[in-house]
Amino acid sequence: MTSRLLRLPDSGRLLVATDIQGNLRDFQRMVTLLEDAPQDTVLVFTGDMVHGPDSLTEQQWPDYLGTPYKDESPEVIQAFLRAQARFPGRVHCLMGNHEHAHVGGPRTAKFHADEAQVLEERMNPDEVLTLRSLFQQLPLVAAAPNGVVLLHAAPSAPLRSLAQLEDVKLEGYFGWGIEEFFRESVLGPMLWSRMATAEQARAFLSVLGGRIAIYGHDVVREGYERIGLEQLCVSTSFALLDEHKTYVQLDLGTVYPDVQMLREGIELRRLYG
């Protein structure tokens, strides 16, 4: 049975990347970092691996989308599966709102009216089945014994128990509006929330035995933002210039009391630094 909670080990190194959105070059850069890391290193993408701007030329590229790239979402999925096979148990992805659009969620419409449909039309039937099977099995949250919790969006969901997390149903939201889905008590905020109060974050983390939450979903132009003591929003790829793209590297054997303890250049690293 698929679990919606990914339990991370209590030792080794953790690499965290957010919001690749079809950028194969940035995805491959994270895999290279894993290749060069110790063998007890785990790599987690926090969702939104797919759905980039696939119809813009470099001349049409707007500044707000950062460094230009070609959307290669099908290739990113294939590269992710190869990385999982090459590094068993060490490469993971969480559910993002763009993945959920393929397996029962509201259809995302950043670059097309229905990005899930457009992507699946670029793939052959076997590839579509593989993509949907992969996305249906993705966890919603990753938690480590040292108190680090990873999720796609801000930790504002009113989570009351691990059983509630495991009982989440992915299907049944096709045709829902985003505002309507956001009111879905747990799943909506976990995949779409852009902010959480300190009280919301602490309540969410307490269910998971966590101290700090690391997530993406929103775009932070500088690469990351600390929010209070509990939250770190990170932008690894989408809509950033290369020089600002940031990933996280943590020691799973170290307790980080709050996000202010995460240092630039040590735990917070530039993807192309």
Protein backbone atom coordinates (compact mmCIF):
# COMPACT_ATOMS: atom_id res chain seq x y z
CA MET A 1 0.00 0.00 0.00
CA THR A 2 1.26 3.46 -0.90
CA SER A 3 2.04 5.69 2.06
CA ARG A 4 1.55 9.44 1.85
CA LEU A 5 4.38 9.90 4.35
CA LEU A 6 7.98 9.34 3.28
CA ARG A 7 10.11 8.58 6.31
CA LEU A 8 13.68 9.76 5.85
CA PRO A 9 16.69 8.11 7.57
CA ASP A 10 18.27 9.33 10.80
CA SER A 11 21.75 9.75 9.33
CA GLY A 12 23.46 10.70 6.10
CA ARG A 13 23.01 13.70 3.86
CA LEU A 14 19.77 15.13 2.48
CA LEU A 15 19.52 17.13 -0.76
CA VAL A 16 16.28 19.04 -1.37
CA ALA A 17 15.16 20.60 -4.65
CA THR A 18 11.91 22.35 -5.54
CA ASP A 19 9.84 23.07 -8.67
CA ILE A 20 11.86 21.79 -11.62
CA GLN A 21 8.85 22.24 -13.98
CA GLY A 22 10.32 20.52 -17.00
CA ASN A 23 13.85 21.94 -16.72
CA LEU A 24 15.95 18.90 -17.59
CA ARG A 25 19.25 20.73 -17.15
CA ASP A 26 18.42 21.69 -13.55
CA PHE A 27 17.13 18.19 -12.81
CA GLN A 28 20.36 16.66 -14.12
CA ARG A 29 22.39 19.10 -12.03
CA MET A 30 20.72 17.75 -8.89
CA VAL A 31 21.45 14.17 -9.97
CA THR A 32 25.10 15.13 -10.54
CA LEU A 33 25.23 16.49 -6.99
CA LEU A 34 23.89 13.14 -5.79
CA GLU A 35 26.50 11.29 -7.85
CA ASP A 36 29.27 13.31 -6.20
CA ALA A 37 27.86 12.92 -2.67
CA PRO A 38 28.50 10.15 -0.13
CA GLN A 39 26.55 6.92 -0.65
CA ASP A 40 24.24 7.64 2.30
CA THR A 41 22.86 10.76 0.59
CA VAL A 42 19.14 11.03 -0.21
CA LEU A 43 17.67 13.38 -2.85
CA VAL A 44 14.11 14.65 -2.54
CA PHE A 45 12.24 16.80 -5.06
CA THR A 46 9.28 18.55 -3.41
CA GLY A 47 6.95 18.29 -6.40
CA ASP A 48 6.14 20.17 -9.61
CA MET A 49 8.66 18.34 -11.76
CA VAL A 50 6.49 18.90 -14.85
CA HIS A 51 4.72 21.63 -16.86
CA GLY A 52 7.10 24.30 -18.12
CA PRO A 53 6.67 26.95 -20.81
CA ASP A 54 6.77 24.78 -23.93
CA SER A 55 5.70 27.29 -26.59
CA LEU A 56 7.96 30.30 -25.99
CA THR A 57 11.00 31.15 -28.07
CA GLU A 58 13.99 32.78 -26.38
CA GLN A 59 12.97 36.08 -28.01
CA GLN A 60 9.50 35.80 -26.45
CA TRP A 61 10.82 34.81 -23.04
CA PRO A 62 9.65 37.22 -20.29
CA ASP A 63 12.04 38.33 -17.58
CA TYR A 64 9.78 36.99 -14.83
CA LEU A 65 10.46 33.41 -15.98
CA GLY A 66 14.17 33.69 -15.20
CA THR A 67 16.82 31.98 -17.31
CA PRO A 68 15.26 30.64 -20.56
CA TYR A 69 14.90 26.89 -20.96
CA LYS A 70 13.03 24.40 -23.09
CA ASP A 71 10.26 22.48 -21.37
CA GLU A 72 11.32 18.82 -21.39
CA SER A 73 8.79 17.37 -18.96
CA PRO A 74 8.61 13.91 -20.61
CA GLU A 75 12.40 13.67 -20.50
CA VAL A 76 12.46 14.77 -16.85
CA ILE A 77 10.07 11.94 -15.92
CA GLN A 78 12.22 9.40 -17.75
CA ALA A 79 15.37 10.79 -16.13
CA PHE A 80 13.72 10.60 -12.70
CA LEU A 81 12.83 6.94 -13.22
CA ARG A 82 16.39 6.18 -14.35
CA ALA A 83 17.77 7.94 -11.28
CA GLN A 84 15.49 5.92 -9.01
CA ALA A 85 16.70 2.71 -10.64
CA ARG A 86 20.33 3.78 -10.41
CA PHE A 87 20.13 4.89 -6.76
CA PRO A 88 17.57 2.55 -5.14
CA GLY A 89 15.79 4.13 -2.19
CA ARG A 90 17.73 7.37 -2.53
CA VAL A 91 15.74 9.43 -5.06
CA HIS A 92 12.23 10.63 -4.23
CA CYS A 93 9.60 13.11 -5.33
CA LEU A 94 6.66 14.47 -3.37
CA MET A 95 3.27 15.28 -4.84
CA GLY A 96 2.91 18.81 -6.20
CA ASN A 97 -0.19 20.48 -7.59
CA HIS A 98 1.10 19.92 -11.14
CA GLU A 99 1.50 16.16 -10.57
CA HIS A 100 -1.91 16.02 -8.91
CA ALA A 101 -3.48 17.46 -12.08
CA HIS A 102 -2.73 14.12 -13.80
CA VAL A 103 -4.31 11.91 -11.13
CA GLY A 104 -7.55 13.53 -10.08
CA GLY A 105 -6.69 17.08 -9.11
CA PRO A 106 -7.75 20.44 -10.54
CA ARG A 107 -6.11 21.03 -13.91
CA THR A 108 -3.27 23.54 -13.72
CA ALA A 109 -3.36 26.35 -16.28
CA LYS A 110 -0.12 28.31 -16.05
CA PHE A 111 0.85 27.94 -19.71
CA HIS A 112 -2.17 26.12 -21.17
CA ALA A 113 -5.83 25.87 -20.22
CA ASP A 114 -5.15 22.24 -19.29
CA GLU A 115 -1.45 21.55 -18.81
CA ALA A 116 -1.98 17.91 -17.91
CA GLN A 117 -3.80 17.22 -21.16
CA VAL A 118 -1.17 19.05 -23.23
CA LEU A 119 1.68 17.11 -21.62
CA GLU A 120 -0.03 13.74 -22.02
CA GLU A 121 -0.68 14.52 -25.70
CA ARG A 122 3.10 14.86 -26.12
CA MET A 123 3.61 11.33 -24.80
CA ASN A 124 2.75 7.89 -26.15
CA PRO A 125 0.13 5.76 -24.33
CA ASP A 126 2.70 3.68 -22.43
CA GLU A 127 4.48 6.81 -21.24
CA VAL A 128 1.18 8.29 -20.04
CA LEU A 129 0.39 5.14 -18.06
CA THR A 130 3.87 5.23 -16.52
CA LEU A 131 3.49 8.90 -15.60
CA ARG A 132 0.09 8.38 -13.96
CA SER A 133 1.26 5.30 -12.08
CA LEU A 134 4.27 7.19 -10.75
CA PHE A 135 2.23 10.21 -9.69
CA GLN A 136 -0.45 8.13 -7.95
CA GLN A 137 2.19 6.69 -5.65
CA LEU A 138 3.92 9.92 -4.66
CA PRO A 139 4.00 10.79 -0.96
CA LEU A 140 2.65 14.14 0.21
CA VAL A 141 5.15 14.73 3.00
CA ALA A 142 8.67 13.62 3.93
CA ALA A 143 9.78 13.66 7.56
CA ALA A 144 13.15 12.96 9.16
CA PRO A 145 13.88 12.01 12.79
CA ASN A 146 15.91 15.22 13.20
CA GLY A 147 12.75 17.32 12.84
CA VAL A 148 13.03 18.32 9.17
CA VAL A 149 9.73 18.10 7.27
CA LEU A 150 9.41 18.51 3.50
CA LEU A 151 6.24 19.23 1.57
CA HIS A 152 5.25 20.96 -1.64
CA ALA A 153 3.52 24.10 -0.39
CA ALA A 154 3.36 26.11 2.82
CA PRO A 155 2.40 24.11 5.96
CA SER A 156 -0.99 25.68 6.59
CA ALA A 157 -3.15 22.54 6.31
CA PRO A 158 -5.09 21.67 9.51
CA LEU A 159 -3.51 18.23 9.84
CA ARG A 160 -4.61 16.49 13.02
CA SER A 161 -3.11 13.00 12.69
CA LEU A 162 -1.01 10.75 10.51
CA ALA A 163 -4.13 8.68 9.85
CA GLN A 164 -5.76 11.74 8.32
CA LEU A 165 -2.77 12.10 6.00
CA GLU A 166 -2.94 8.46 4.93
CA ASP A 167 -6.69 8.74 4.29
CA VAL A 168 -6.28 11.51 1.71
CA LYS A 169 -7.97 10.70 -1.60
CA LEU A 170 -6.38 12.08 -4.78
CA GLU A 171 -9.30 11.56 -7.14
CA GLY A 172 -12.53 13.43 -7.60
CA TYR A 173 -11.42 17.03 -8.05
CA PHE A 174 -11.43 17.28 -11.84
CA GLY A 175 -13.28 20.44 -12.80
CA TRP A 176 -12.94 22.02 -9.37
CA GLY A 177 -11.80 25.63 -9.16
CA ILE A 178 -8.61 26.35 -7.26
CA GLU A 179 -10.39 28.38 -4.58
CA GLU A 180 -12.90 25.59 -4.09
CA PHE A 181 -10.19 22.95 -3.89
CA PHE A 182 -8.12 25.07 -1.52
CA ARG A 183 -10.89 24.69 1.03
CA GLU A 184 -10.43 20.92 0.93
CA SER A 185 -9.28 20.56 4.52
CA VAL A 186 -5.88 18.90 4.04
CA LEU A 187 -5.00 18.18 0.43
CA GLY A 188 -5.85 21.59 -1.00
CA PRO A 189 -3.58 23.64 1.28
CA MET A 190 -0.80 21.05 1.16
CA LEU A 191 -0.56 21.42 -2.62
CA TRP A 192 -1.52 25.08 -3.15
CA SER A 193 -0.86 27.18 -0.04
CA ARG A 194 1.61 30.05 -0.46
CA MET A 195 1.72 31.07 3.19
CA ALA A 196 1.24 29.74 6.68
CA THR A 197 1.12 31.53 10.00
CA ALA A 198 3.59 30.50 12.68
CA GLU A 199 0.71 28.91 14.60
CA GLN A 200 -0.40 26.91 11.54
CA ALA A 201 3.14 25.78 10.81
CA ARG A 202 3.78 24.66 14.39
CA ALA A 203 0.49 22.74 14.49
CA PHE A 204 1.24 20.99 11.20
CA LEU A 205 4.79 20.14 12.24
CA SER A 206 3.74 18.82 15.64
CA VAL A 207 1.77 15.97 14.03
CA LEU A 208 4.94 14.89 12.21
CA GLY A 209 7.34 15.41 15.10
CA GLY A 210 8.94 18.24 13.16
CA ARG A 211 10.66 21.52 13.94
CA ILE A 212 11.12 23.09 10.52
CA ALA A 213 9.24 22.86 7.21
CA ILE A 214 10.99 23.20 3.85
CA TYR A 215 8.88 23.70 0.75
CA GLY A 216 8.64 25.39 -2.66
CA HIS A 217 5.54 26.12 -4.79
CA ASP A 218 5.96 29.89 -4.54
CA VAL A 219 8.72 31.74 -6.41
CA VAL A 220 11.38 33.41 -4.27
CA ARG A 221 13.48 35.50 -6.64
CA GLU A 222 16.51 35.50 -4.34
CA GLY A 223 16.41 31.70 -4.08
CA TYR A 224 15.08 31.23 -0.56
CA GLU A 225 13.19 32.96 2.24
CA ARG A 226 13.13 32.20 5.95
CA ILE A 227 9.68 32.77 7.42
CA GLY A 228 9.74 33.01 11.19
CA LEU A 229 11.48 30.14 12.95
CA GLU A 230 9.65 27.24 11.33
CA GLN A 231 9.48 27.82 7.57
CA LEU A 232 11.93 27.88 4.67
CA CYS A 233 10.60 28.50 1.16
CA VAL A 234 13.13 27.52 -1.50
CA SER A 235 13.29 28.08 -5.27
CA THR A 236 15.61 25.67 -7.04
CA SER A 237 14.61 26.10 -10.67
CA PHE A 238 11.38 27.53 -12.03
CA ALA A 239 11.24 31.27 -12.82
CA LEU A 240 14.70 32.03 -11.42
CA LEU A 241 17.91 33.24 -12.98
CA ASP A 242 20.63 30.60 -12.78
CA GLU A 243 22.68 32.60 -10.27
CA HIS A 244 19.80 32.62 -7.76
CA LYS A 245 18.67 28.99 -8.00
CA THR A 246 19.04 27.36 -4.57
CA TYR A 247 18.91 23.85 -3.17
CA VAL A 248 19.21 22.63 0.42
CA GLN A 249 21.84 20.28 1.82
CA LEU A 250 21.34 19.00 5.35
CA ASP A 251 22.93 16.50 7.71
CA LEU A 252 20.20 14.07 8.73
CA GLY A 253 22.07 13.35 11.95
CA THR A 254 21.99 17.01 13.02
CA VAL A 255 19.06 18.67 14.77
CA TYR A 256 18.27 22.12 13.37
CA PRO A 257 16.28 23.97 16.07
CA ASP A 258 14.91 26.55 13.60
CA VAL A 259 15.40 27.78 10.05
CA GLN A 260 17.61 30.64 11.20
CA MET A 261 20.29 27.99 11.83
CA LEU A 262 20.45 27.14 8.11
CA ARG A 263 23.45 28.98 6.71
CA GLU A 264 24.02 30.35 3.23
CA GLY A 265 26.77 28.41 1.50
CA ILE A 266 26.49 25.48 3.95
CA GLU A 267 22.88 24.28 4.15
CA LEU A 268 21.61 26.79 1.54
CA ARG A 269 23.57 26.34 -1.68
CA ARG A 270 23.43 27.81 -5.16
CA LEU A 271 22.65 25.27 -7.86
CA TYR A 272 25.30 26.78 -10.14
CA GLY A 273 27.54 28.34 -7.50
